[in-house]
Structures are given as structure tokens and as C-alpha cells.
Amino acid sequence: MKSVAGFTILEVLIALLILAVGVLGLVSVAANASRLVAEGRYYSQAVAVASGQLERLHAAGCDANSTGELDEAEALVTWSASGDASTVRWVTVVVAGRTRVGEHADTFTTRPDC
């Protein structure tokens, strides 16, 4: 009797099953990486917007308007300052925006030199 070289249908099906599981795992990792990149982009924009607002408040001086709101680049920026030039002054900037996973509000607090 001659031996036949090749694969049986069962071996091919098992190989396809293993390949499918591997491809599904890669797709899952790619989806999570895409979500994390989008969130990272949001957080980078939030930090840039808050930094810009803190710079504007710092340039205006310690006696400038202590509260405000600005709608900028798909984010709502609100700020408030507590204290005055004679006491410790804290400036809080809140950046609220929407990502693919929902609403986010990030708070940045600093004490400017007066």
C-alpha cells in the first residue's frame, strides 16, 4: 500500500480554526489601540487648551476676571480663581469634551505667582 502525502480535511479545518482565533485576537488588540490613541489625542488637546487658558490668565495678572467660560475646539473651558493678590490664589481650569467612550471633564489646578 502506498502512503499518500498531503493534509486531511480535518487537519486543514483545525489549522483554519487556529488561524481564525489568532486573527480575532489581533483585531481586538487593534481596536483597543485605536481607542487608546483617540483618548490620548483628547487628553493632549485638553492639556493644550488648559495650558493656553492658564497662560492667558497669567498674562492678564492676578486682578483679572476670576471666572469665565470659553467654547474652544470641541471643548468647553471654564475657569475660576480663588483668593486675591494678598492671599494664596488658586486657579482652576476645567476642560470638558466628548470622546468616543463618552463625556470627560478634566480639572487642572495651579497657583500662579502674583
N, C-alpha and C. Protein backbone atom coordinates (compact mmCIF):
# COMPACT_ATOMS: atom_id res chain seq x y z
N MET A 1 0.83 -1.16 0.00
CA MET A 1 0.00 0.00 0.00
C MET A 1 0.89 1.24 0.00
N LYS A 2 0.49 2.22 -0.84
CA LYS A 2 1.26 3.46 -0.93
C LYS A 2 0.76 4.45 0.12
N SER A 3 1.71 5.23 0.69
CA SER A 3 1.27 6.28 1.59
C SER A 3 1.03 7.54 0.77
N VAL A 4 -0.02 8.23 1.12
CA VAL A 4 -0.40 9.43 0.38
C VAL A 4 0.10 10.64 1.15
N ALA A 5 0.81 11.52 0.45
CA ALA A 5 1.31 12.74 1.09
C ALA A 5 0.24 13.82 0.98
N GLY A 6 0.14 14.66 1.99
CA GLY A 6 -0.83 15.76 1.97
C GLY A 6 -1.52 15.89 3.32
N PHE A 7 -2.51 16.75 3.33
CA PHE A 7 -3.24 17.03 4.57
C PHE A 7 -4.65 16.46 4.45
N THR A 8 -5.17 16.02 5.56
CA THR A 8 -6.56 15.59 5.58
C THR A 8 -7.43 16.82 5.81
N ILE A 9 -8.69 16.69 5.51
CA ILE A 9 -9.63 17.81 5.69
C ILE A 9 -9.71 18.22 7.15
N LEU A 10 -9.59 17.28 8.07
CA LEU A 10 -9.62 17.59 9.49
C LEU A 10 -8.43 18.46 9.89
N GLU A 11 -7.26 18.14 9.38
CA GLU A 11 -6.07 18.96 9.68
C GLU A 11 -6.21 20.37 9.13
N VAL A 12 -6.77 20.50 7.95
CA VAL A 12 -6.98 21.83 7.35
C VAL A 12 -7.98 22.63 8.18
N LEU A 13 -9.06 22.00 8.62
CA LEU A 13 -10.06 22.70 9.44
C LEU A 13 -9.48 23.15 10.78
N ILE A 14 -8.68 22.32 11.40
CA ILE A 14 -8.05 22.70 12.67
C ILE A 14 -7.08 23.86 12.46
N ALA A 15 -6.32 23.82 11.37
CA ALA A 15 -5.40 24.92 11.08
C ALA A 15 -6.17 26.22 10.83
N LEU A 16 -7.30 26.16 10.12
CA LEU A 16 -8.11 27.35 9.88
C LEU A 16 -8.71 27.89 11.18
N LEU A 17 -9.11 26.99 12.06
CA LEU A 17 -9.64 27.42 13.35
C LEU A 17 -8.58 28.15 14.18
N ILE A 18 -7.38 27.61 14.21
CA ILE A 18 -6.29 28.27 14.94
C ILE A 18 -5.96 29.63 14.32
N LEU A 19 -5.95 29.70 13.00
CA LEU A 19 -5.69 30.96 12.31
C LEU A 19 -6.78 31.99 12.61
N ALA A 20 -8.04 31.55 12.63
CA ALA A 20 -9.15 32.46 12.91
C ALA A 20 -9.06 33.03 14.33
N VAL A 21 -8.71 32.19 15.29
CA VAL A 21 -8.56 32.66 16.67
C VAL A 21 -7.44 33.70 16.75
N GLY A 22 -6.35 33.46 16.07
CA GLY A 22 -5.24 34.41 16.05
C GLY A 22 -5.61 35.74 15.41
N VAL A 23 -6.33 35.68 14.29
CA VAL A 23 -6.76 36.92 13.61
C VAL A 23 -7.74 37.69 14.48
N LEU A 24 -8.66 37.02 15.14
CA LEU A 24 -9.60 37.71 16.03
C LEU A 24 -8.88 38.38 17.19
N GLY A 25 -7.85 37.75 17.71
CA GLY A 25 -7.06 38.36 18.77
C GLY A 25 -6.36 39.62 18.28
N LEU A 26 -5.81 39.59 17.08
CA LEU A 26 -5.16 40.77 16.52
C LEU A 26 -6.14 41.91 16.28
N VAL A 27 -7.34 41.59 15.81
CA VAL A 27 -8.37 42.61 15.59
C VAL A 27 -8.75 43.26 16.91
N SER A 28 -8.87 42.47 17.96
CA SER A 28 -9.20 43.01 19.27
C SER A 28 -8.12 43.95 19.78
N VAL A 29 -6.88 43.57 19.62
CA VAL A 29 -5.77 44.43 20.04
C VAL A 29 -5.75 45.72 19.23
N ALA A 30 -6.00 45.62 17.93
CA ALA A 30 -6.00 46.82 17.08
C ALA A 30 -7.13 47.77 17.46
N ALA A 31 -8.30 47.24 17.81
CA ALA A 31 -9.42 48.08 18.22
C ALA A 31 -9.10 48.81 19.52
N ASN A 32 -8.51 48.11 20.49
CA ASN A 32 -8.14 48.75 21.75
C ASN A 32 -7.06 49.80 21.53
N ALA A 33 -6.10 49.53 20.67
CA ALA A 33 -5.04 50.51 20.38
C ALA A 33 -5.63 51.76 19.74
N SER A 34 -6.57 51.57 18.84
CA SER A 34 -7.22 52.72 18.19
C SER A 34 -7.97 53.57 19.21
N ARG A 35 -8.67 52.93 20.14
CA ARG A 35 -9.40 53.67 21.18
C ARG A 35 -8.44 54.45 22.07
N LEU A 36 -7.33 53.82 22.44
CA LEU A 36 -6.36 54.49 23.30
C LEU A 36 -5.70 55.67 22.60
N VAL A 37 -5.46 55.55 21.30
CA VAL A 37 -4.89 56.67 20.54
C VAL A 37 -5.87 57.84 20.50
N ALA A 38 -7.15 57.54 20.30
CA ALA A 38 -8.17 58.60 20.28
C ALA A 38 -8.27 59.28 21.64
N GLU A 39 -8.24 58.52 22.73
CA GLU A 39 -8.28 59.12 24.06
C GLU A 39 -7.03 59.95 24.32
N GLY A 40 -5.88 59.46 23.88
CA GLY A 40 -4.64 60.21 24.04
C GLY A 40 -4.70 61.54 23.31
N ARG A 41 -5.30 61.53 22.13
CA ARG A 41 -5.46 62.78 21.37
C ARG A 41 -6.34 63.75 22.14
N TYR A 42 -7.43 63.25 22.72
CA TYR A 42 -8.31 64.11 23.51
C TYR A 42 -7.57 64.72 24.70
N TYR A 43 -6.83 63.89 25.43
CA TYR A 43 -6.12 64.39 26.61
C TYR A 43 -5.03 65.40 26.20
N SER A 44 -4.38 65.19 25.09
CA SER A 44 -3.38 66.15 24.62
C SER A 44 -4.04 67.48 24.30
N GLN A 45 -5.19 67.44 23.64
CA GLN A 45 -5.91 68.68 23.34
C GLN A 45 -6.39 69.36 24.63
N ALA A 46 -6.85 68.57 25.59
CA ALA A 46 -7.32 69.15 26.85
C ALA A 46 -6.19 69.86 27.58
N VAL A 47 -5.02 69.25 27.60
CA VAL A 47 -3.87 69.88 28.27
C VAL A 47 -3.46 71.14 27.52
N ALA A 48 -3.46 71.10 26.19
CA ALA A 48 -3.08 72.28 25.41
C ALA A 48 -4.06 73.44 25.64
N VAL A 49 -5.36 73.13 25.66
CA VAL A 49 -6.37 74.16 25.88
C VAL A 49 -6.23 74.74 27.29
N ALA A 50 -6.07 73.88 28.29
CA ALA A 50 -5.93 74.36 29.67
C ALA A 50 -4.65 75.17 29.83
N SER A 51 -3.58 74.73 29.23
CA SER A 51 -2.31 75.46 29.32
C SER A 51 -2.44 76.84 28.69
N GLY A 52 -3.09 76.90 27.54
CA GLY A 52 -3.31 78.19 26.89
C GLY A 52 -4.13 79.13 27.75
N GLN A 53 -5.19 78.59 28.36
CA GLN A 53 -6.03 79.43 29.22
C GLN A 53 -5.27 79.89 30.46
N LEU A 54 -4.47 79.01 31.06
CA LEU A 54 -3.67 79.41 32.22
C LEU A 54 -2.65 80.49 31.83
N GLU A 55 -2.08 80.38 30.64
CA GLU A 55 -1.14 81.41 30.18
C GLU A 55 -1.85 82.75 29.99
N ARG A 56 -3.06 82.72 29.42
CA ARG A 56 -3.81 83.97 29.25
C ARG A 56 -4.15 84.59 30.60
N LEU A 57 -4.54 83.75 31.57
CA LEU A 57 -4.85 84.28 32.91
C LEU A 57 -3.60 84.84 33.57
N HIS A 58 -2.48 84.16 33.39
CA HIS A 58 -1.23 84.63 33.98
C HIS A 58 -0.80 85.96 33.35
N ALA A 59 -0.96 86.09 32.05
CA ALA A 59 -0.58 87.33 31.36
C ALA A 59 -1.49 88.49 31.75
N ALA A 60 -2.75 88.20 32.10
CA ALA A 60 -3.69 89.25 32.47
C ALA A 60 -3.44 89.76 33.88
N GLY A 61 -2.66 89.05 34.68
CA GLY A 61 -2.37 89.49 36.03
C GLY A 61 -3.32 88.90 37.04
N CYS A 62 -2.98 89.08 38.30
CA CYS A 62 -3.75 88.45 39.37
C CYS A 62 -5.07 89.14 39.66
N ASP A 63 -5.26 90.34 39.17
CA ASP A 63 -6.51 91.06 39.41
C ASP A 63 -7.48 90.91 38.24
N ALA A 64 -7.19 90.03 37.31
CA ALA A 64 -8.04 89.85 36.13
C ALA A 64 -9.33 89.13 36.51
N ASN A 65 -10.23 89.03 35.54
CA ASN A 65 -11.51 88.36 35.73
C ASN A 65 -11.29 86.98 36.35
N SER A 66 -12.00 86.70 37.44
CA SER A 66 -11.72 85.47 38.18
C SER A 66 -12.54 84.27 37.72
N THR A 67 -13.56 84.48 36.90
CA THR A 67 -14.32 83.35 36.38
C THR A 67 -14.61 83.59 34.91
N GLY A 68 -14.85 82.51 34.21
CA GLY A 68 -15.20 82.65 32.80
C GLY A 68 -15.45 81.31 32.15
N GLU A 69 -15.89 81.39 30.90
CA GLU A 69 -16.21 80.20 30.14
C GLU A 69 -15.90 80.48 28.68
N LEU A 70 -15.39 79.46 28.00
CA LEU A 70 -14.99 79.61 26.60
C LEU A 70 -15.27 78.30 25.88
N ASP A 71 -15.90 78.38 24.72
CA ASP A 71 -16.15 77.18 23.91
C ASP A 71 -15.08 77.14 22.84
N GLU A 72 -14.15 76.19 22.96
CA GLU A 72 -12.99 76.18 22.09
C GLU A 72 -12.70 74.76 21.60
N ALA A 73 -12.62 74.60 20.28
CA ALA A 73 -12.15 73.36 19.65
C ALA A 73 -12.80 72.11 20.22
N GLU A 74 -14.11 72.04 20.16
CA GLU A 74 -14.85 70.88 20.63
C GLU A 74 -14.70 70.64 22.12
N ALA A 75 -14.33 71.65 22.86
CA ALA A 75 -14.19 71.52 24.32
C ALA A 75 -14.75 72.77 24.97
N LEU A 76 -15.36 72.58 26.11
CA LEU A 76 -15.86 73.70 26.89
C LEU A 76 -14.86 73.94 28.01
N VAL A 77 -14.33 75.16 28.07
CA VAL A 77 -13.32 75.51 29.06
C VAL A 77 -13.94 76.48 30.05
N THR A 78 -13.89 76.15 31.33
CA THR A 78 -14.33 77.08 32.37
C THR A 78 -13.18 77.27 33.34
N TRP A 79 -13.10 78.45 33.90
CA TRP A 79 -12.03 78.71 34.85
C TRP A 79 -12.54 79.57 35.99
N SER A 80 -11.88 79.45 37.11
CA SER A 80 -12.19 80.27 38.27
C SER A 80 -10.93 80.43 39.10
N ALA A 81 -10.87 81.55 39.79
CA ALA A 81 -9.72 81.82 40.65
C ALA A 81 -10.24 82.15 42.03
N SER A 82 -9.56 81.62 43.05
CA SER A 82 -9.95 81.92 44.42
C SER A 82 -8.82 82.67 45.09
N GLY A 83 -9.17 83.52 46.01
CA GLY A 83 -8.17 84.34 46.69
C GLY A 83 -7.98 85.65 45.95
N ASP A 84 -7.05 86.47 46.45
CA ASP A 84 -6.72 87.72 45.78
C ASP A 84 -5.21 87.92 45.86
N ALA A 85 -4.75 89.10 45.49
CA ALA A 85 -3.31 89.33 45.42
C ALA A 85 -2.64 89.23 46.79
N SER A 86 -3.39 89.41 47.89
CA SER A 86 -2.78 89.38 49.22
C SER A 86 -2.79 87.97 49.84
N THR A 87 -3.56 87.05 49.28
CA THR A 87 -3.62 85.69 49.81
C THR A 87 -3.19 84.70 48.73
N VAL A 88 -3.12 83.47 49.13
CA VAL A 88 -2.77 82.42 48.15
C VAL A 88 -3.91 82.32 47.15
N ARG A 89 -3.56 82.38 45.90
CA ARG A 89 -4.55 82.34 44.84
C ARG A 89 -4.43 81.03 44.07
N TRP A 90 -5.54 80.35 43.91
CA TRP A 90 -5.58 79.11 43.16
C TRP A 90 -6.42 79.33 41.91
N VAL A 91 -5.94 78.88 40.78
CA VAL A 91 -6.68 78.96 39.53
C VAL A 91 -7.03 77.54 39.11
N THR A 92 -8.30 77.32 38.84
CA THR A 92 -8.79 76.02 38.40
C THR A 92 -9.36 76.16 36.99
N VAL A 93 -8.88 75.33 36.10
CA VAL A 93 -9.39 75.29 34.73
C VAL A 93 -9.98 73.90 34.50
N VAL A 94 -11.23 73.88 34.05
CA VAL A 94 -11.92 72.61 33.75
C VAL A 94 -12.15 72.55 32.25
N VAL A 95 -11.68 71.48 31.63
CA VAL A 95 -11.88 71.25 30.20
C VAL A 95 -12.82 70.07 30.06
N ALA A 96 -13.98 70.31 29.46
CA ALA A 96 -14.97 69.24 29.26
C ALA A 96 -15.13 69.00 27.77
N GLY A 97 -15.13 67.73 27.40
CA GLY A 97 -15.28 67.38 25.99
C GLY A 97 -15.82 65.99 25.83
N ARG A 98 -16.01 65.60 24.59
CA ARG A 98 -16.59 64.30 24.27
C ARG A 98 -15.58 63.45 23.52
N THR A 99 -15.44 62.20 23.96
CA THR A 99 -14.63 61.23 23.24
C THR A 99 -15.55 60.12 22.77
N ARG A 100 -14.97 59.11 22.13
CA ARG A 100 -15.80 58.01 21.64
C ARG A 100 -16.41 57.20 22.77
N VAL A 101 -15.82 57.27 23.96
CA VAL A 101 -16.36 56.49 25.07
C VAL A 101 -17.27 57.31 25.97
N GLY A 102 -17.45 58.60 25.69
CA GLY A 102 -18.37 59.41 26.48
C GLY A 102 -17.80 60.76 26.83
N GLU A 103 -18.49 61.43 27.74
CA GLU A 103 -18.09 62.77 28.19
C GLU A 103 -16.95 62.67 29.18
N HIS A 104 -16.02 63.61 29.08
CA HIS A 104 -14.92 63.71 30.04
C HIS A 104 -14.83 65.14 30.53
N ALA A 105 -14.47 65.30 31.77
CA ALA A 105 -14.18 66.61 32.34
C ALA A 105 -12.86 66.49 33.10
N ASP A 106 -11.88 67.26 32.68
CA ASP A 106 -10.56 67.22 33.30
C ASP A 106 -10.32 68.54 34.00
N THR A 107 -9.82 68.46 35.22
CA THR A 107 -9.59 69.64 36.05
C THR A 107 -8.09 69.86 36.22
N PHE A 108 -7.66 71.09 35.98
CA PHE A 108 -6.26 71.48 36.15
C PHE A 108 -6.22 72.62 37.16
N THR A 109 -5.41 72.48 38.20
CA THR A 109 -5.33 73.49 39.24
C THR A 109 -3.87 73.92 39.40
N THR A 110 -3.68 75.22 39.55
CA THR A 110 -2.33 75.75 39.73
C THR A 110 -2.38 76.97 40.65
N ARG A 111 -1.23 77.34 41.14
CA ARG A 111 -1.10 78.55 41.96
C ARG A 111 -0.11 79.46 41.24
N PRO A 112 -0.61 80.48 40.54
CA PRO A 112 0.28 81.37 39.81
C PRO A 112 1.04 82.29 40.76
N ASP A 113 2.20 82.75 40.33
CA ASP A 113 2.98 83.71 41.11
C ASP A 113 2.38 85.09 40.92
N CYS A 114 2.01 85.73 42.00
CA CYS A 114 1.45 87.08 41.93
C CYS A 114 2.40 88.06 42.59
